[in-house]
Amino acid sequence: MTHRKRGQMSESVAMGLLLALTGGFLDAYTYVARGRVFANAQTGNIVLLGMNLADRNFSAALSYLIPIVAFVAGVAMAEVIRHHNRWEALHWRQITVLFEIVTLTVCAFLPPTHNWLVTSLVSFVCALQAESFRTIAGSTLATTMCTGNLRTATELLSLGLLRRDRAECRRSRIYYLVILAFLAGAVLGDALTRRFDALASLFCAGFLLLGFFIMFFKEER
């Protein structure tokens, strides 16, 4: 009888696709309902922070500094949870997902006057997710942004075709699937946010709740 290795479900393709769907949804959510900003990646915020500092527009600079600090706090929080988890019944990644669920539920009920806080909280959530889920099916990728995934996917596909290496082509498929899931999340996020406005973040909380329960299972490899 053949025994299959059972892996951590938090690193499965199914979990990666669900997280990427959430990542795309959150970008659409903050853009449509929370001041037309993208809260997942911080490159743009850093550039705008520098531009406003150069113009001595310190109040505007602060609005870009806050989500950057929130992102840094999210990464730090993920590492604290990872190294200090004492709950044997829960994987440390499940605890970070619980933090995400609670935070996004709070965001749903904050008024437009607190959009700056919502975008900061979403930055915090995305940092938790980016730091906690960095490996999917043995490949290092991101579920809250696409630039690195697109580069790696194309590199693997190109090398796979040039070397006639099916394994590299298969790895590239995982990256492209995650990118498509992110795109699907953006489409769904746009549609649901236009209909439910701020409350749409509850859908993301629901996706993550599903992911929380998925992680109780083990993946057969």
N, C-alpha and C. Protein backbone atom coordinates (compact mmCIF):
# COMPACT_ATOMS: atom_id res chain seq x y z
N MET A 1 0.85 -1.20 0.00
CA MET A 1 0.00 0.00 0.00
C MET A 1 0.87 1.24 0.00
N THR A 2 0.57 2.21 -0.86
CA THR A 2 1.36 3.43 -0.98
C THR A 2 0.83 4.48 -0.02
N HIS A 3 1.74 5.05 0.77
CA HIS A 3 1.36 6.11 1.70
C HIS A 3 1.77 7.46 1.12
N ARG A 4 0.84 8.36 1.01
CA ARG A 4 1.13 9.69 0.49
C ARG A 4 1.51 10.64 1.61
N LYS A 5 2.43 11.50 1.28
CA LYS A 5 2.84 12.53 2.24
C LYS A 5 1.72 13.54 2.41
N ARG A 6 1.44 13.89 3.65
CA ARG A 6 0.38 14.85 3.93
C ARG A 6 1.00 16.17 4.32
N GLY A 7 0.66 17.22 3.57
CA GLY A 7 1.27 18.53 3.80
C GLY A 7 0.32 19.49 4.50
N GLN A 8 0.87 20.65 4.84
CA GLN A 8 0.09 21.69 5.50
C GLN A 8 -0.84 22.35 4.48
N MET A 9 -2.14 22.38 4.78
CA MET A 9 -3.13 22.90 3.84
C MET A 9 -2.93 24.40 3.59
N SER A 10 -2.29 25.09 4.52
CA SER A 10 -2.06 26.53 4.35
C SER A 10 -1.14 26.81 3.18
N GLU A 11 -0.42 25.79 2.67
CA GLU A 11 0.47 25.96 1.53
C GLU A 11 -0.06 25.29 0.28
N SER A 12 -1.35 24.94 0.28
CA SER A 12 -1.96 24.27 -0.87
C SER A 12 -2.35 25.28 -1.94
N VAL A 13 -2.52 24.78 -3.15
CA VAL A 13 -2.95 25.64 -4.26
C VAL A 13 -4.34 26.22 -3.98
N ALA A 14 -5.22 25.39 -3.41
CA ALA A 14 -6.58 25.87 -3.11
C ALA A 14 -6.54 27.06 -2.16
N MET A 15 -5.71 26.98 -1.14
CA MET A 15 -5.59 28.09 -0.19
C MET A 15 -4.97 29.31 -0.86
N GLY A 16 -3.99 29.09 -1.71
CA GLY A 16 -3.36 30.20 -2.42
C GLY A 16 -4.33 30.94 -3.31
N LEU A 17 -5.18 30.19 -4.00
CA LEU A 17 -6.17 30.82 -4.88
C LEU A 17 -7.20 31.62 -4.08
N LEU A 18 -7.61 31.07 -2.94
CA LEU A 18 -8.58 31.77 -2.09
C LEU A 18 -7.98 33.06 -1.55
N LEU A 19 -6.72 33.03 -1.14
CA LEU A 19 -6.05 34.23 -0.62
C LEU A 19 -5.83 35.26 -1.72
N ALA A 20 -5.49 34.80 -2.92
CA ALA A 20 -5.31 35.73 -4.03
C ALA A 20 -6.63 36.39 -4.41
N LEU A 21 -7.71 35.62 -4.37
CA LEU A 21 -9.04 36.18 -4.61
C LEU A 21 -9.33 37.29 -3.61
N THR A 22 -8.98 37.06 -2.34
CA THR A 22 -9.16 38.06 -1.30
C THR A 22 -8.29 39.29 -1.55
N GLY A 23 -7.04 39.06 -1.96
CA GLY A 23 -6.14 40.17 -2.24
C GLY A 23 -6.65 41.09 -3.34
N GLY A 24 -7.13 40.51 -4.43
CA GLY A 24 -7.68 41.31 -5.52
C GLY A 24 -8.94 42.05 -5.11
N PHE A 25 -9.77 41.38 -4.34
CA PHE A 25 -11.02 41.98 -3.83
C PHE A 25 -10.70 43.21 -2.99
N LEU A 26 -9.72 43.10 -2.09
CA LEU A 26 -9.41 44.22 -1.19
C LEU A 26 -8.88 45.43 -1.94
N ASP A 27 -8.11 45.20 -2.99
CA ASP A 27 -7.62 46.33 -3.79
C ASP A 27 -8.79 47.06 -4.44
N ALA A 28 -9.74 46.30 -5.00
CA ALA A 28 -10.92 46.91 -5.60
C ALA A 28 -11.76 47.62 -4.54
N TYR A 29 -11.88 47.01 -3.38
CA TYR A 29 -12.68 47.58 -2.29
C TYR A 29 -12.16 48.94 -1.85
N THR A 30 -10.86 49.03 -1.58
CA THR A 30 -10.31 50.31 -1.11
C THR A 30 -10.35 51.36 -2.21
N TYR A 31 -10.23 50.94 -3.46
CA TYR A 31 -10.25 51.90 -4.57
C TYR A 31 -11.67 52.44 -4.79
N VAL A 32 -12.66 51.56 -4.77
CA VAL A 32 -14.04 51.97 -5.08
C VAL A 32 -14.70 52.67 -3.90
N ALA A 33 -14.53 52.12 -2.69
CA ALA A 33 -15.30 52.61 -1.54
C ALA A 33 -14.50 53.41 -0.53
N ARG A 34 -13.17 53.39 -0.63
CA ARG A 34 -12.37 53.99 0.44
C ARG A 34 -11.33 54.98 -0.07
N GLY A 35 -11.75 55.84 -0.97
CA GLY A 35 -10.89 56.96 -1.36
C GLY A 35 -10.01 56.74 -2.57
N ARG A 36 -10.32 55.74 -3.39
CA ARG A 36 -9.61 55.49 -4.64
C ARG A 36 -8.11 55.29 -4.41
N VAL A 37 -7.79 54.44 -3.45
CA VAL A 37 -6.39 54.09 -3.18
C VAL A 37 -6.24 52.58 -3.21
N PHE A 38 -5.01 52.13 -3.48
CA PHE A 38 -4.68 50.71 -3.41
C PHE A 38 -3.90 50.48 -2.12
N ALA A 39 -4.40 49.59 -1.29
CA ALA A 39 -3.80 49.42 0.05
C ALA A 39 -2.91 48.19 0.17
N ASN A 40 -2.83 47.37 -0.89
CA ASN A 40 -2.07 46.12 -0.78
C ASN A 40 -0.57 46.33 -0.81
N ALA A 41 -0.07 47.01 -1.82
CA ALA A 41 1.36 47.23 -1.99
C ALA A 41 1.71 48.65 -1.57
N GLN A 42 2.93 48.83 -1.08
CA GLN A 42 3.30 50.12 -0.50
C GLN A 42 4.24 50.94 -1.38
N THR A 43 4.62 50.44 -2.55
CA THR A 43 5.54 51.18 -3.41
C THR A 43 4.99 52.56 -3.76
N GLY A 44 3.72 52.61 -4.17
CA GLY A 44 3.12 53.89 -4.52
C GLY A 44 3.06 54.84 -3.34
N ASN A 45 2.73 54.30 -2.16
CA ASN A 45 2.68 55.15 -0.96
C ASN A 45 4.04 55.73 -0.63
N ILE A 46 5.10 54.94 -0.80
CA ILE A 46 6.45 55.43 -0.51
C ILE A 46 6.83 56.53 -1.49
N VAL A 47 6.50 56.35 -2.77
CA VAL A 47 6.79 57.38 -3.77
C VAL A 47 6.04 58.68 -3.45
N LEU A 48 4.75 58.55 -3.14
CA LEU A 48 3.94 59.73 -2.84
C LEU A 48 4.38 60.38 -1.53
N LEU A 49 4.83 59.59 -0.58
CA LEU A 49 5.38 60.14 0.67
C LEU A 49 6.60 61.00 0.36
N GLY A 50 7.49 60.47 -0.47
CA GLY A 50 8.68 61.23 -0.83
C GLY A 50 8.36 62.51 -1.58
N MET A 51 7.41 62.45 -2.50
CA MET A 51 7.03 63.64 -3.29
C MET A 51 6.45 64.72 -2.38
N ASN A 52 5.61 64.32 -1.43
CA ASN A 52 5.00 65.31 -0.54
C ASN A 52 6.01 65.87 0.47
N LEU A 53 6.97 65.05 0.87
CA LEU A 53 8.03 65.56 1.73
C LEU A 53 8.88 66.58 0.99
N ALA A 54 9.14 66.30 -0.29
CA ALA A 54 9.91 67.23 -1.11
C ALA A 54 9.18 68.56 -1.27
N ASP A 55 7.85 68.50 -1.36
CA ASP A 55 7.03 69.72 -1.50
C ASP A 55 6.69 70.35 -0.15
N ARG A 56 7.18 69.74 0.92
CA ARG A 56 6.91 70.21 2.29
C ARG A 56 5.42 70.21 2.62
N ASN A 57 4.71 69.30 1.99
CA ASN A 57 3.29 69.13 2.25
C ASN A 57 3.16 68.02 3.30
N PHE A 58 3.44 68.38 4.54
CA PHE A 58 3.59 67.37 5.59
C PHE A 58 2.28 66.70 5.98
N SER A 59 1.16 67.41 5.90
CA SER A 59 -0.11 66.79 6.25
C SER A 59 -0.47 65.69 5.25
N ALA A 60 -0.23 65.95 3.96
CA ALA A 60 -0.49 64.93 2.95
C ALA A 60 0.51 63.78 3.09
N ALA A 61 1.74 64.10 3.42
CA ALA A 61 2.76 63.07 3.61
C ALA A 61 2.35 62.10 4.72
N LEU A 62 1.74 62.64 5.76
CA LEU A 62 1.31 61.80 6.88
C LEU A 62 0.27 60.78 6.44
N SER A 63 -0.61 61.17 5.52
CA SER A 63 -1.66 60.25 5.06
C SER A 63 -1.08 59.05 4.32
N TYR A 64 0.13 59.21 3.75
CA TYR A 64 0.79 58.10 3.09
C TYR A 64 1.71 57.34 4.04
N LEU A 65 2.19 58.02 5.07
CA LEU A 65 3.06 57.37 6.04
C LEU A 65 2.29 56.37 6.90
N ILE A 66 1.05 56.71 7.26
CA ILE A 66 0.27 55.85 8.16
C ILE A 66 0.07 54.43 7.60
N PRO A 67 -0.36 54.26 6.33
CA PRO A 67 -0.51 52.88 5.83
C PRO A 67 0.82 52.15 5.71
N ILE A 68 1.91 52.88 5.47
CA ILE A 68 3.23 52.23 5.43
C ILE A 68 3.58 51.66 6.80
N VAL A 69 3.34 52.48 7.83
CA VAL A 69 3.60 52.03 9.20
C VAL A 69 2.68 50.85 9.55
N ALA A 70 1.43 50.91 9.09
CA ALA A 70 0.49 49.81 9.35
C ALA A 70 0.96 48.52 8.69
N PHE A 71 1.53 48.64 7.49
CA PHE A 71 2.05 47.47 6.78
C PHE A 71 3.22 46.86 7.56
N VAL A 72 4.12 47.72 8.03
CA VAL A 72 5.26 47.26 8.82
C VAL A 72 4.76 46.56 10.09
N ALA A 73 3.74 47.13 10.73
CA ALA A 73 3.18 46.54 11.94
C ALA A 73 2.57 45.17 11.65
N GLY A 74 1.95 45.02 10.48
CA GLY A 74 1.36 43.74 10.10
C GLY A 74 2.41 42.65 9.93
N VAL A 75 3.52 42.99 9.29
CA VAL A 75 4.61 42.03 9.12
C VAL A 75 5.15 41.61 10.49
N ALA A 76 5.37 42.60 11.36
CA ALA A 76 5.89 42.32 12.70
C ALA A 76 4.92 41.45 13.49
N MET A 77 3.62 41.75 13.39
CA MET A 77 2.60 40.98 14.10
C MET A 77 2.60 39.52 13.65
N ALA A 78 2.73 39.31 12.34
CA ALA A 78 2.76 37.94 11.82
C ALA A 78 3.92 37.15 12.41
N GLU A 79 5.08 37.79 12.53
CA GLU A 79 6.24 37.10 13.09
C GLU A 79 6.08 36.84 14.58
N VAL A 80 5.46 37.78 15.29
CA VAL A 80 5.20 37.57 16.72
C VAL A 80 4.28 36.36 16.91
N ILE A 81 3.22 36.29 16.10
CA ILE A 81 2.29 35.17 16.20
C ILE A 81 2.99 33.86 15.84
N ARG A 82 3.81 33.90 14.82
CA ARG A 82 4.52 32.70 14.37
C ARG A 82 5.42 32.13 15.45
N HIS A 83 6.13 32.99 16.15
CA HIS A 83 7.13 32.52 17.11
C HIS A 83 6.60 32.37 18.54
N HIS A 84 5.38 32.85 18.79
CA HIS A 84 4.85 32.79 20.15
C HIS A 84 3.48 32.12 20.23
N ASN A 85 3.13 31.35 19.19
CA ASN A 85 1.85 30.65 19.22
C ASN A 85 1.92 29.50 20.24
N ARG A 86 1.03 29.52 21.22
CA ARG A 86 0.97 28.47 22.23
C ARG A 86 -0.30 27.64 22.12
N TRP A 87 -1.10 27.89 21.08
CA TRP A 87 -2.35 27.16 20.91
C TRP A 87 -2.08 25.93 20.04
N GLU A 88 -2.05 24.77 20.65
CA GLU A 88 -1.77 23.55 19.91
C GLU A 88 -2.89 23.20 18.93
N ALA A 89 -4.10 23.64 19.23
CA ALA A 89 -5.25 23.31 18.37
C ALA A 89 -5.27 24.11 17.08
N LEU A 90 -4.52 25.22 17.03
CA LEU A 90 -4.53 26.10 15.86
C LEU A 90 -3.12 26.26 15.29
N HIS A 91 -3.02 26.18 13.97
CA HIS A 91 -1.78 26.52 13.30
C HIS A 91 -1.59 28.03 13.41
N TRP A 92 -0.33 28.49 13.47
CA TRP A 92 -0.12 29.93 13.66
C TRP A 92 -0.72 30.76 12.53
N ARG A 93 -0.78 30.16 11.33
CA ARG A 93 -1.37 30.91 10.20
C ARG A 93 -2.87 31.09 10.39
N GLN A 94 -3.51 30.16 11.06
CA GLN A 94 -4.94 30.32 11.35
C GLN A 94 -5.18 31.51 12.27
N ILE A 95 -4.26 31.76 13.17
CA ILE A 95 -4.41 32.90 14.08
C ILE A 95 -4.27 34.21 13.30
N THR A 96 -3.33 34.27 12.35
CA THR A 96 -3.21 35.49 11.55
C THR A 96 -4.47 35.71 10.71
N VAL A 97 -5.06 34.63 10.22
CA VAL A 97 -6.30 34.74 9.45
C VAL A 97 -7.43 35.26 10.34
N LEU A 98 -7.48 34.82 11.59
CA LEU A 98 -8.49 35.33 12.52
C LEU A 98 -8.32 36.84 12.73
N PHE A 99 -7.09 37.31 12.84
CA PHE A 99 -6.84 38.74 12.94
C PHE A 99 -7.37 39.47 11.70
N GLU A 100 -7.15 38.87 10.53
CA GLU A 100 -7.65 39.47 9.29
C GLU A 100 -9.17 39.56 9.30
N ILE A 101 -9.82 38.48 9.71
CA ILE A 101 -11.29 38.43 9.72
C ILE A 101 -11.86 39.52 10.63
N VAL A 102 -11.32 39.63 11.83
CA VAL A 102 -11.81 40.63 12.79
C VAL A 102 -11.57 42.04 12.25
N THR A 103 -10.40 42.28 11.70
CA THR A 103 -10.07 43.62 11.19
C THR A 103 -10.98 44.03 10.04
N LEU A 104 -11.22 43.11 9.11
CA LEU A 104 -12.07 43.43 7.96
C LEU A 104 -13.54 43.59 8.37
N THR A 105 -13.95 42.90 9.41
CA THR A 105 -15.31 43.07 9.93
C THR A 105 -15.46 44.47 10.52
N VAL A 106 -14.45 44.92 11.24
CA VAL A 106 -14.47 46.28 11.80
C VAL A 106 -14.52 47.31 10.66
N CYS A 107 -13.72 47.09 9.60
CA CYS A 107 -13.68 48.02 8.46
C CYS A 107 -15.06 48.23 7.84
N ALA A 108 -15.86 47.17 7.81
CA ALA A 108 -17.18 47.24 7.17
C ALA A 108 -18.08 48.28 7.81
N PHE A 109 -17.85 48.59 9.09
CA PHE A 109 -18.77 49.47 9.81
C PHE A 109 -18.15 50.84 10.13
N LEU A 110 -17.00 51.14 9.56
CA LEU A 110 -16.40 52.46 9.74
C LEU A 110 -16.91 53.40 8.65
N PRO A 111 -17.31 54.61 9.00
CA PRO A 111 -17.89 55.55 8.02
C PRO A 111 -16.84 56.11 7.07
N PRO A 112 -17.27 56.76 5.98
CA PRO A 112 -16.34 57.34 5.02
C PRO A 112 -15.37 58.36 5.63
N THR A 113 -15.77 59.00 6.72
CA THR A 113 -14.88 59.96 7.37
C THR A 113 -13.64 59.27 7.94
N HIS A 114 -13.68 57.94 8.05
CA HIS A 114 -12.55 57.18 8.58
C HIS A 114 -11.88 56.33 7.50
N ASN A 115 -11.97 56.78 6.25
CA ASN A 115 -11.35 56.02 5.15
C ASN A 115 -9.85 55.85 5.36
N TRP A 116 -9.20 56.88 5.91
CA TRP A 116 -7.76 56.80 6.16
C TRP A 116 -7.45 55.65 7.12
N LEU A 117 -8.33 55.43 8.08
CA LEU A 117 -8.13 54.34 9.04
C LEU A 117 -8.38 53.00 8.37
N VAL A 118 -9.41 52.94 7.52
CA VAL A 118 -9.73 51.69 6.83
C VAL A 118 -8.58 51.27 5.93
N THR A 119 -8.04 52.19 5.14
CA THR A 119 -6.94 51.84 4.24
C THR A 119 -5.71 51.40 5.03
N SER A 120 -5.51 51.99 6.20
CA SER A 120 -4.40 51.56 7.06
C SER A 120 -4.63 50.17 7.61
N LEU A 121 -5.88 49.89 8.01
CA LEU A 121 -6.20 48.55 8.52
C LEU A 121 -6.09 47.50 7.42
N VAL A 122 -6.49 47.86 6.21
CA VAL A 122 -6.35 46.92 5.10
C VAL A 122 -4.88 46.68 4.79
N SER A 123 -4.06 47.73 4.89
CA SER A 123 -2.61 47.55 4.71
C SER A 123 -2.06 46.59 5.76
N PHE A 124 -2.56 46.73 6.99
CA PHE A 124 -2.16 45.84 8.07
C PHE A 124 -2.55 44.39 7.75
N VAL A 125 -3.78 44.20 7.28
CA VAL A 125 -4.28 42.88 6.92
C VAL A 125 -3.45 42.26 5.80
N CYS A 126 -3.16 43.06 4.78
CA CYS A 126 -2.39 42.55 3.64
C CYS A 126 -0.97 42.18 4.04
N ALA A 127 -0.40 42.94 4.98
CA ALA A 127 0.93 42.59 5.47
C ALA A 127 0.90 41.28 6.24
N LEU A 128 -0.11 41.09 7.07
CA LEU A 128 -0.28 39.81 7.77
C LEU A 128 -0.33 38.65 6.78
N GLN A 129 -1.11 38.83 5.74
CA GLN A 129 -1.28 37.77 4.74
C GLN A 129 -0.01 37.55 3.94
N ALA A 130 0.63 38.64 3.51
CA ALA A 130 1.84 38.52 2.70
C ALA A 130 2.97 37.83 3.46
N GLU A 131 3.08 38.13 4.75
CA GLU A 131 4.14 37.54 5.56
C GLU A 131 3.83 36.10 5.96
N SER A 132 2.57 35.79 6.17
CA SER A 132 2.19 34.46 6.66
C SER A 132 2.12 33.42 5.55
N PHE A 133 1.72 33.85 4.35
CA PHE A 133 1.52 32.89 3.26
C PHE A 133 2.45 33.24 2.11
N ARG A 134 3.67 32.75 2.19
CA ARG A 134 4.68 33.07 1.18
C ARG A 134 5.02 31.89 0.30
N THR A 135 4.53 30.70 0.65
CA THR A 135 4.83 29.49 -0.13
C THR A 135 3.55 28.77 -0.47
N ILE A 136 3.35 28.53 -1.76
CA ILE A 136 2.20 27.79 -2.25
C ILE A 136 2.69 26.66 -3.13
N ALA A 137 2.35 25.42 -2.76
CA ALA A 137 2.76 24.24 -3.53
C ALA A 137 4.27 24.22 -3.77
N GLY A 138 5.04 24.63 -2.78
CA GLY A 138 6.49 24.61 -2.88
C GLY A 138 7.10 25.80 -3.60
N SER A 139 6.28 26.73 -4.07
CA SER A 139 6.77 27.90 -4.79
C SER A 139 6.56 29.16 -3.95
N THR A 140 7.55 30.04 -3.98
CA THR A 140 7.45 31.29 -3.25
C THR A 140 6.69 32.30 -4.10
N LEU A 141 5.56 32.78 -3.60
CA LEU A 141 4.78 33.77 -4.35
C LEU A 141 3.98 34.64 -3.39
N ALA A 142 3.35 35.68 -3.94
CA ALA A 142 2.56 36.61 -3.15
C ALA A 142 1.09 36.47 -3.50
N THR A 143 0.22 36.68 -2.50
CA THR A 143 -1.22 36.62 -2.75
C THR A 143 -1.88 37.99 -2.62
N THR A 144 -1.07 39.03 -2.39
CA THR A 144 -1.65 40.38 -2.24
C THR A 144 -1.15 41.35 -3.31
N MET A 145 -0.30 40.89 -4.21
CA MET A 145 0.20 41.72 -5.31
C MET A 145 0.63 40.81 -6.45
N CYS A 146 0.83 41.38 -7.64
CA CYS A 146 1.03 40.53 -8.83
C CYS A 146 2.36 40.72 -9.55
N THR A 147 3.06 41.81 -9.33
CA THR A 147 4.24 42.12 -10.14
C THR A 147 5.28 41.00 -10.08
N GLY A 148 5.66 40.59 -8.87
CA GLY A 148 6.65 39.53 -8.72
C GLY A 148 6.15 38.21 -9.28
N ASN A 149 4.87 37.92 -9.06
CA ASN A 149 4.30 36.68 -9.59
C ASN A 149 4.35 36.65 -11.11
N LEU A 150 4.03 37.77 -11.74
CA LEU A 150 4.02 37.84 -13.20
C LEU A 150 5.42 37.64 -13.76
N ARG A 151 6.41 38.25 -13.10
CA ARG A 151 7.80 38.10 -13.54
C ARG A 151 8.24 36.64 -13.43
N THR A 152 7.98 36.03 -12.26
CA THR A 152 8.42 34.65 -12.04
C THR A 152 7.68 33.68 -12.95
N ALA A 153 6.40 33.88 -13.13
CA ALA A 153 5.61 33.00 -13.99
C ALA A 153 6.15 33.01 -15.42
N THR A 154 6.44 34.19 -15.92
CA THR A 154 6.95 34.31 -17.29
C THR A 154 8.35 33.75 -17.42
N GLU A 155 9.17 33.97 -16.39
CA GLU A 155 10.53 33.40 -16.38
C GLU A 155 10.48 31.87 -16.42
N LEU A 156 9.64 31.27 -15.57
CA LEU A 156 9.53 29.81 -15.52
C LEU A 156 8.99 29.25 -16.83
N LEU A 157 8.00 29.92 -17.40
CA LEU A 157 7.42 29.45 -18.66
C LEU A 157 8.45 29.53 -19.78
N SER A 158 9.19 30.64 -19.83
CA SER A 158 10.21 30.81 -20.87
C SER A 158 11.29 29.74 -20.75
N LEU A 159 11.79 29.53 -19.52
CA LEU A 159 12.82 28.52 -19.30
C LEU A 159 12.29 27.12 -19.59
N GLY A 160 11.03 26.88 -19.20
CA GLY A 160 10.43 25.58 -19.45
C GLY A 160 10.34 25.26 -20.92
N LEU A 161 9.96 26.26 -21.72
CA LEU A 161 9.84 26.05 -23.16
C LEU A 161 11.22 25.91 -23.81
N LEU A 162 12.17 26.73 -23.37
CA LEU A 162 13.52 26.68 -23.95
C LEU A 162 14.23 25.37 -23.63
N ARG A 163 14.02 24.88 -22.39
CA ARG A 163 14.69 23.65 -21.96
C ARG A 163 13.83 22.41 -22.15
N ARG A 164 12.59 22.63 -22.59
CA ARG A 164 11.62 21.54 -22.72
C ARG A 164 11.45 20.82 -21.37
N ASP A 165 11.35 21.64 -20.34
CA ASP A 165 11.23 21.15 -18.97
C ASP A 165 9.78 21.29 -18.52
N ARG A 166 9.07 20.18 -18.44
CA ARG A 166 7.65 20.23 -18.08
C ARG A 166 7.44 20.66 -16.64
N ALA A 167 8.38 20.34 -15.77
CA ALA A 167 8.25 20.71 -14.36
C ALA A 167 8.21 22.23 -14.20
N GLU A 168 9.06 22.95 -14.92
CA GLU A 168 9.07 24.40 -14.83
C GLU A 168 7.80 24.99 -15.45
N CYS A 169 7.31 24.37 -16.51
CA CYS A 169 6.04 24.83 -17.09
C CYS A 169 4.89 24.63 -16.11
N ARG A 170 4.91 23.51 -15.39
CA ARG A 170 3.85 23.27 -14.40
C ARG A 170 3.94 24.29 -13.27
N ARG A 171 5.15 24.61 -12.83
CA ARG A 171 5.31 25.62 -11.78
C ARG A 171 4.80 26.98 -12.24
N SER A 172 5.05 27.30 -13.51
CA SER A 172 4.58 28.59 -14.03
C SER A 172 3.05 28.66 -14.01
N ARG A 173 2.39 27.51 -14.21
CA ARG A 173 0.93 27.48 -14.20
C ARG A 173 0.38 27.91 -12.85
N ILE A 174 1.05 27.51 -11.77
CA ILE A 174 0.59 27.88 -10.43
C ILE A 174 0.60 29.40 -10.29
N TYR A 175 1.67 30.04 -10.74
CA TYR A 175 1.77 31.50 -10.65
C TYR A 175 0.68 32.17 -11.48
N TYR A 176 0.46 31.67 -12.70
CA TYR A 176 -0.56 32.28 -13.55
C TYR A 176 -1.96 32.07 -12.96
N LEU A 177 -2.19 30.91 -12.34
CA LEU A 177 -3.49 30.67 -11.70
C LEU A 177 -3.72 31.65 -10.56
N VAL A 178 -2.68 31.91 -9.77
CA VAL A 178 -2.80 32.87 -8.66
C VAL A 178 -3.09 34.27 -9.20
N ILE A 179 -2.43 34.65 -10.29
CA ILE A 179 -2.68 35.95 -10.91
C ILE A 179 -4.13 36.04 -11.40
N LEU A 180 -4.62 34.97 -12.02
CA LEU A 180 -6.01 34.96 -12.49
C LEU A 180 -6.99 35.04 -11.31
N ALA A 181 -6.64 34.38 -10.20
CA ALA A 181 -7.50 34.46 -9.02
C ALA A 181 -7.52 35.88 -8.47
N PHE A 182 -6.37 36.55 -8.49
CA PHE A 182 -6.31 37.94 -8.05
C PHE A 182 -7.18 38.82 -8.95
N LEU A 183 -7.11 38.58 -10.26
CA LEU A 183 -7.94 39.33 -11.21
C LEU A 183 -9.42 39.06 -10.96
N ALA A 184 -9.77 37.80 -10.73
CA ALA A 184 -11.18 37.46 -10.44
C ALA A 184 -11.64 38.16 -9.18
N GLY A 185 -10.76 38.24 -8.18
CA GLY A 185 -11.10 38.95 -6.95
C GLY A 185 -11.35 40.42 -7.18
N ALA A 186 -10.55 41.03 -8.07
CA ALA A 186 -10.75 42.45 -8.38
C ALA A 186 -12.09 42.67 -9.08
N VAL A 187 -12.43 41.77 -10.01
CA VAL A 187 -13.73 41.88 -10.71
C VAL A 187 -14.88 41.72 -9.71
N LEU A 188 -14.80 40.70 -8.89
CA LEU A 188 -15.84 40.46 -7.90
C LEU A 188 -15.90 41.59 -6.87
N GLY A 189 -14.72 42.08 -6.47
CA GLY A 189 -14.68 43.17 -5.50
C GLY A 189 -15.31 44.43 -6.03
N ASP A 190 -15.04 44.74 -7.30
CA ASP A 190 -15.64 45.93 -7.90
C ASP A 190 -17.17 45.82 -7.92
N ALA A 191 -17.67 44.66 -8.36
CA ALA A 191 -19.13 44.47 -8.48
C ALA A 191 -19.80 44.53 -7.12
N LEU A 192 -19.25 43.83 -6.14
CA LEU A 192 -19.89 43.77 -4.82
C LEU A 192 -19.73 45.06 -4.04
N THR A 193 -18.61 45.75 -4.23
CA THR A 193 -18.42 47.02 -3.52
C THR A 193 -19.35 48.09 -4.06
N ARG A 194 -19.58 48.10 -5.36
CA ARG A 194 -20.52 49.07 -5.94
C ARG A 194 -21.95 48.81 -5.44
N ARG A 195 -22.23 47.58 -5.09
CA ARG A 195 -23.58 47.26 -4.61
C ARG A 195 -23.71 47.44 -3.10
N PHE A 196 -22.69 47.00 -2.35
CA PHE A 196 -22.80 47.00 -0.89
C PHE A 196 -21.94 48.07 -0.20
N ASP A 197 -21.15 48.80 -0.98
CA ASP A 197 -20.31 49.87 -0.47
C ASP A 197 -19.37 49.34 0.63
N ALA A 198 -19.27 50.04 1.75
CA ALA A 198 -18.31 49.69 2.79
C ALA A 198 -18.51 48.28 3.34
N LEU A 199 -19.74 47.80 3.34
CA LEU A 199 -20.04 46.48 3.89
C LEU A 199 -19.42 45.34 3.07
N ALA A 200 -18.92 45.65 1.89
CA ALA A 200 -18.37 44.60 1.02
C ALA A 200 -17.17 43.90 1.63
N SER A 201 -16.49 44.55 2.58
CA SER A 201 -15.34 43.88 3.20
C SER A 201 -15.76 42.64 3.98
N LEU A 202 -17.05 42.53 4.30
CA LEU A 202 -17.55 41.33 4.98
C LEU A 202 -17.43 40.09 4.08
N PHE A 203 -17.51 40.29 2.77
CA PHE A 203 -17.32 39.15 1.87
C PHE A 203 -15.90 38.61 1.99
N CYS A 204 -14.92 39.52 2.11
CA CYS A 204 -13.53 39.08 2.30
C CYS A 204 -13.38 38.34 3.62
N ALA A 205 -14.04 38.85 4.64
CA ALA A 205 -14.01 38.16 5.93
C ALA A 205 -14.58 36.74 5.79
N GLY A 206 -15.61 36.60 4.96
CA GLY A 206 -16.21 35.29 4.71
C GLY A 206 -15.25 34.36 3.97
N PHE A 207 -14.55 34.89 2.95
CA PHE A 207 -13.56 34.08 2.24
C PHE A 207 -12.48 33.58 3.20
N LEU A 208 -12.02 34.47 4.06
CA LEU A 208 -10.97 34.11 4.99
C LEU A 208 -11.46 33.12 6.05
N LEU A 209 -12.73 33.24 6.42
CA LEU A 209 -13.30 32.28 7.37
C LEU A 209 -13.30 30.88 6.75
N LEU A 210 -13.60 30.80 5.46
CA LEU A 210 -13.53 29.53 4.75
C LEU A 210 -12.09 29.00 4.78
N GLY A 211 -11.13 29.89 4.54
CA GLY A 211 -9.73 29.50 4.58
C GLY A 211 -9.31 29.02 5.96
N PHE A 212 -9.84 29.67 6.99
CA PHE A 212 -9.55 29.26 8.37
C PHE A 212 -9.94 27.81 8.60
N PHE A 213 -11.12 27.41 8.13
CA PHE A 213 -11.58 26.04 8.33
C PHE A 213 -10.86 25.06 7.41
N ILE A 214 -10.48 25.52 6.20
CA ILE A 214 -9.72 24.65 5.29
C ILE A 214 -8.43 24.19 5.94
N MET A 215 -7.82 25.07 6.74
CA MET A 215 -6.52 24.75 7.33
C MET A 215 -6.58 23.69 8.44
N PHE A 216 -7.78 23.27 8.80
CA PHE A 216 -7.88 22.16 9.74
C PHE A 216 -7.60 20.82 9.07
N PHE A 217 -7.61 20.81 7.74
CA PHE A 217 -7.37 19.58 6.99
C PHE A 217 -5.91 19.50 6.57
N LYS A 218 -5.49 18.31 6.21
CA LYS A 218 -4.15 18.08 5.68
C LYS A 218 -4.25 17.77 4.21
N GLU A 219 -3.30 18.28 3.44
CA GLU A 219 -3.31 18.06 1.99
C GLU A 219 -2.51 16.82 1.64
N GLU A 220 -3.09 15.95 0.81
CA GLU A 220 -2.35 14.80 0.32
C GLU A 220 -1.51 15.22 -0.87
N ARG A 221 -0.23 14.84 -0.83
CA ARG A 221 0.67 15.20 -1.92
C ARG A 221 1.14 13.93 -2.63
